[in-house]
Amino acid sequence: MSAFHWLNEQFGFFGLPVYWSDFLGNILALATVWLALRRSLVAWPVQILGSVFLLIASLNVHLGGNAARQVVIIVSASWGWATWKRSRAQEGTINVRWANWTERAVLAAAMVLGTLAFGAVLNWQDASFYPGAPLWMVMADAWIFVGSIIAMYSQARRYVEFWFVWLAVDLVGVPLAVHSELYFSGIVYAIFFVMVVLGIRDWASRSRPQEIASPLEPAVLVESREDTPR
């Protein structure tokens, strides 16, 4: 028996069967969002570890798109970690800004086209849920996968919009997780929704020094080193 076999075992959580891998991965995912709110570099290694646990959980219930998503998140988080470290070394803090309209258009196009393309691949390979799964379920799996990549990219670029992308992912993630019997993931997605709203408010306020920043123009807040997150 593998030393990590217990990660695929279930325990009772308020009457719901929950996998240990799903539980631990989502606890770390919540910690990641809280640390991102604080613009802390620690958010990235915590996210990497959480994704390792969620990768195990996804493979256990045959969620191909979500499993691939965790692999990409691990790679993307490594890049994002290096990007934020370089930014703080150069600027003394982690500055955030609104994306301009061109950047937003690229993100939106990538979200739609990427979902259609990856969903087609998952459907062709029967790699999501189970062979012959309804197309809407496959596309939902693809939406979460592509949205997570775009959110990771936007977070690394320090766009306020990264929170809106996570919001779009959460709205699909809750029913999909519950349908896949990853009940704790469904609960966490719901908690994410609240934290994402707080994140939008916090990062939006930090993107402007005095007046509300217009989404038409990116605004960068230059903060003192005393405000540098640890």
Protein backbone atom coordinates (compact mmCIF):
# COMPACT_ATOMS: atom_id res chain seq x y z
CA MET A 1 0.00 0.00 0.00
CA SER A 2 1.31 3.38 -0.97
CA ALA A 3 2.29 5.74 1.83
CA PHE A 4 -0.05 8.31 0.27
CA HIS A 5 -3.00 5.97 -0.32
CA TRP A 6 -4.87 7.72 2.49
CA LEU A 7 -5.22 10.81 0.27
CA ASN A 8 -7.79 8.90 -1.80
CA GLU A 9 -9.73 7.77 1.26
CA GLN A 10 -12.87 9.55 2.43
CA PHE A 11 -14.01 10.89 5.79
CA GLY A 12 -17.27 12.39 6.98
CA PHE A 13 -17.61 16.17 6.78
CA PHE A 14 -20.98 17.28 8.20
CA GLY A 15 -22.51 14.16 6.75
CA LEU A 16 -20.78 14.44 3.35
CA PRO A 17 -18.10 12.01 2.11
CA VAL A 18 -14.93 14.01 1.41
CA TYR A 19 -11.60 12.84 0.00
CA TRP A 20 -8.56 13.86 2.03
CA SER A 21 -6.80 15.06 -1.13
CA ASP A 22 -9.81 17.22 -2.00
CA PHE A 23 -9.98 18.57 1.55
CA LEU A 24 -6.29 19.46 1.91
CA GLY A 25 -6.03 20.88 -1.61
CA ASN A 26 -8.96 23.19 -1.09
CA ILE A 27 -7.81 24.34 2.34
CA LEU A 28 -4.55 25.42 0.70
CA ALA A 29 -6.52 26.96 -2.18
CA LEU A 30 -8.41 29.12 0.32
CA ALA A 31 -5.11 30.11 1.91
CA THR A 32 -3.83 31.03 -1.54
CA VAL A 33 -6.71 33.43 -2.19
CA TRP A 34 -6.25 35.06 1.23
CA LEU A 35 -2.52 35.49 0.58
CA ALA A 36 -3.22 36.88 -2.90
CA LEU A 37 -5.48 39.45 -1.26
CA ARG A 38 -2.45 40.54 0.76
CA ARG A 39 -0.27 40.41 -2.37
CA SER A 40 2.07 38.04 -0.57
CA LEU A 41 4.74 36.05 -2.39
CA VAL A 42 3.90 33.07 -0.19
CA ALA A 43 0.65 32.69 -2.15
CA TRP A 44 2.53 30.99 -4.99
CA PRO A 45 4.24 28.08 -3.17
CA VAL A 46 1.04 27.47 -1.20
CA GLN A 47 -0.86 27.30 -4.48
CA ILE A 48 1.62 24.83 -5.92
CA LEU A 49 1.25 22.46 -2.95
CA GLY A 50 -2.54 22.77 -3.01
CA SER A 51 -2.61 21.94 -6.71
CA VAL A 52 -0.62 18.76 -6.07
CA PHE A 53 -3.35 17.57 -3.69
CA LEU A 54 -6.14 18.62 -6.09
CA LEU A 55 -4.38 16.80 -8.94
CA ILE A 56 -4.59 13.60 -6.90
CA ALA A 57 -8.29 14.25 -6.15
CA SER A 58 -9.12 14.93 -9.81
CA LEU A 59 -7.40 11.78 -11.05
CA ASN A 60 -9.27 9.81 -8.40
CA VAL A 61 -12.68 10.83 -9.85
CA HIS A 62 -11.55 10.85 -13.50
CA LEU A 63 -11.80 14.63 -14.07
CA GLY A 64 -9.33 14.87 -16.95
CA GLY A 65 -9.74 18.59 -17.57
CA ASN A 66 -9.39 19.47 -13.91
CA ALA A 67 -6.35 17.20 -13.54
CA ALA A 68 -4.66 18.89 -16.50
CA ARG A 69 -5.62 22.20 -14.97
CA GLN A 70 -3.68 21.42 -11.79
CA VAL A 71 -0.55 20.55 -13.78
CA VAL A 72 -0.76 23.85 -15.66
CA ILE A 73 -1.41 25.73 -12.42
CA ILE A 74 1.74 24.26 -10.89
CA VAL A 75 3.81 25.39 -13.89
CA SER A 76 2.07 28.78 -14.07
CA ALA A 77 2.45 29.37 -10.34
CA SER A 78 6.18 28.80 -10.63
CA TRP A 79 6.33 31.46 -13.35
CA GLY A 80 4.07 33.82 -11.38
CA TRP A 81 6.20 33.39 -8.28
CA ALA A 82 9.32 34.41 -10.21
CA THR A 83 7.46 37.36 -11.78
CA TRP A 84 6.27 38.73 -8.45
CA LYS A 85 9.71 38.29 -6.87
CA ARG A 86 11.26 40.28 -9.70
CA SER A 87 8.57 42.96 -9.44
CA ARG A 88 9.04 43.41 -5.70
CA ALA A 89 12.82 43.54 -6.09
CA GLN A 90 12.48 46.29 -8.71
CA GLU A 91 9.59 48.31 -7.26
CA GLY A 92 9.74 47.56 -3.54
CA THR A 93 6.19 46.16 -3.50
CA ILE A 94 3.62 44.29 -5.60
CA ASN A 95 1.83 46.99 -7.62
CA VAL A 96 -1.50 46.20 -9.29
CA ARG A 97 -3.40 47.81 -12.14
CA TRP A 98 -6.43 47.56 -14.40
CA ALA A 99 -5.80 45.97 -17.77
CA ASN A 100 -6.44 48.19 -20.78
CA TRP A 101 -9.17 47.37 -23.31
CA THR A 102 -6.79 45.61 -25.69
CA GLU A 103 -5.55 43.37 -22.90
CA ARG A 104 -9.14 42.65 -21.85
CA ALA A 105 -10.15 41.74 -25.38
CA VAL A 106 -7.25 39.29 -25.58
CA LEU A 107 -8.21 37.70 -22.25
CA ALA A 108 -11.88 37.36 -23.28
CA ALA A 109 -11.02 35.89 -26.67
CA ALA A 110 -8.61 33.43 -25.08
CA MET A 111 -11.30 32.39 -22.60
CA VAL A 112 -13.92 31.66 -25.25
CA LEU A 113 -11.72 30.19 -27.98
CA GLY A 114 -9.59 28.25 -25.51
CA THR A 115 -12.67 26.66 -23.93
CA LEU A 116 -14.08 25.61 -27.30
CA ALA A 117 -10.74 24.16 -28.45
CA PHE A 118 -9.87 22.32 -25.24
CA GLY A 119 -13.45 21.14 -24.81
CA ALA A 120 -13.32 19.64 -28.30
CA VAL A 121 -10.10 17.80 -27.41
CA LEU A 122 -11.57 16.45 -24.15
CA ASN A 123 -14.73 15.34 -25.94
CA TRP A 124 -12.75 13.69 -28.74
CA GLN A 125 -10.54 11.80 -26.29
CA ASP A 126 -13.35 11.01 -23.82
CA ALA A 127 -10.99 12.46 -21.21
CA SER A 128 -13.55 14.28 -19.07
CA PHE A 129 -15.82 12.58 -16.53
CA TYR A 130 -16.67 9.34 -18.37
CA PRO A 131 -16.97 8.11 -21.97
CA GLY A 132 -19.96 9.70 -23.63
CA ALA A 133 -20.39 12.40 -20.98
CA PRO A 134 -22.80 15.21 -21.99
CA LEU A 135 -21.12 17.97 -23.97
CA TRP A 136 -22.15 20.62 -21.43
CA MET A 137 -20.22 18.81 -18.71
CA VAL A 138 -17.14 18.52 -20.91
CA MET A 139 -17.31 22.21 -21.82
CA ALA A 140 -17.73 23.15 -18.15
CA ASP A 141 -14.60 21.14 -17.37
CA ALA A 142 -12.77 22.94 -20.19
CA TRP A 143 -14.07 26.34 -19.03
CA ILE A 144 -12.59 25.82 -15.57
CA PHE A 145 -9.30 24.63 -17.04
CA VAL A 146 -8.89 27.53 -19.47
CA GLY A 147 -10.22 30.08 -16.98
CA SER A 148 -7.69 28.96 -14.39
CA ILE A 149 -4.83 29.44 -16.84
CA ILE A 150 -6.03 32.92 -17.77
CA ALA A 151 -6.55 33.81 -14.12
CA MET A 152 -3.02 32.66 -13.29
CA TYR A 153 -1.60 34.71 -16.15
CA SER A 154 -3.61 37.77 -15.10
CA GLN A 155 -2.53 37.35 -11.49
CA ALA A 156 1.12 37.15 -12.51
CA ARG A 157 0.64 40.31 -14.61
CA ARG A 158 -1.05 41.88 -11.56
CA TYR A 159 -4.28 42.78 -13.38
CA VAL A 160 -7.27 43.58 -11.18
CA GLU A 161 -9.30 41.64 -13.74
CA PHE A 162 -7.78 38.39 -12.52
CA TRP A 163 -10.42 38.36 -9.78
CA PHE A 164 -13.21 38.61 -12.37
CA VAL A 165 -11.80 35.61 -14.22
CA TRP A 166 -11.82 33.57 -10.99
CA LEU A 167 -15.41 34.70 -10.47
CA ALA A 168 -16.36 33.25 -13.87
CA VAL A 169 -14.58 30.01 -12.96
CA ASP A 170 -16.34 29.77 -9.59
CA LEU A 171 -19.81 30.18 -11.10
CA VAL A 172 -19.22 27.01 -13.12
CA GLY A 173 -17.04 25.24 -10.56
CA VAL A 174 -19.66 24.97 -7.79
CA PRO A 175 -22.28 22.89 -9.67
CA LEU A 176 -19.58 20.88 -11.47
CA ALA A 177 -17.82 19.93 -8.23
CA VAL A 178 -21.08 18.91 -6.57
CA HIS A 179 -22.09 16.87 -9.63
CA SER A 180 -18.69 15.10 -9.47
CA GLU A 181 -19.23 14.31 -5.75
CA LEU A 182 -16.32 16.55 -4.76
CA TYR A 183 -18.56 18.12 -2.17
CA PHE A 184 -15.87 19.92 -0.24
CA SER A 185 -14.66 21.52 -3.48
CA GLY A 186 -18.20 22.78 -4.03
CA ILE A 187 -18.27 24.34 -0.56
CA VAL A 188 -14.87 25.94 -1.11
CA TYR A 189 -15.90 27.34 -4.49
CA ALA A 190 -18.81 29.05 -2.73
CA ILE A 191 -16.41 30.54 -0.16
CA PHE A 192 -14.15 31.61 -3.03
CA PHE A 193 -17.03 33.66 -4.41
CA VAL A 194 -17.09 35.83 -1.29
CA MET A 195 -13.30 36.13 -1.17
CA VAL A 196 -13.14 37.05 -4.85
CA VAL A 197 -15.59 39.93 -4.29
CA LEU A 198 -13.35 41.15 -1.45
CA GLY A 199 -10.33 40.75 -3.71
CA ILE A 200 -11.89 42.85 -6.47
CA ARG A 201 -12.61 45.63 -3.99
CA ASP A 202 -9.14 45.51 -2.42
CA TRP A 203 -7.10 45.38 -5.63
CA ALA A 204 -9.29 48.02 -7.28
CA SER A 205 -8.65 50.40 -4.39
CA ARG A 206 -4.91 49.72 -4.54
CA SER A 207 -4.81 50.43 -8.27
CA ARG A 208 -5.55 54.11 -7.71
CA PRO A 209 -3.79 56.61 -5.45
CA GLN A 210 -6.74 58.98 -4.93
CA GLU A 211 -9.60 58.86 -7.41
CA ILE A 212 -11.35 55.81 -8.78
CA ALA A 213 -9.30 54.52 -11.69
CA SER A 214 -11.10 54.40 -15.03
CA PRO A 215 -11.00 50.96 -16.65
CA LEU A 216 -10.10 52.85 -19.84
CA GLU A 217 -6.59 53.49 -18.53
CA PRO A 218 -4.34 51.36 -16.35
CA ALA A 219 -3.42 52.95 -13.06
CA VAL A 220 -0.46 51.90 -10.94
CA LEU A 221 -0.09 52.62 -7.27
CA VAL A 222 3.48 53.23 -6.12
CA GLU A 223 3.58 52.30 -2.45
CA SER A 224 6.21 52.76 0.21
CA ARG A 225 8.41 49.90 1.30
CA GLU A 226 6.73 49.92 4.70
CA ASP A 227 3.56 48.59 2.99
CA THR A 228 5.43 45.76 1.32
CA PRO A 229 3.62 42.45 2.01
CA ARG A 230 5.66 39.76 3.69
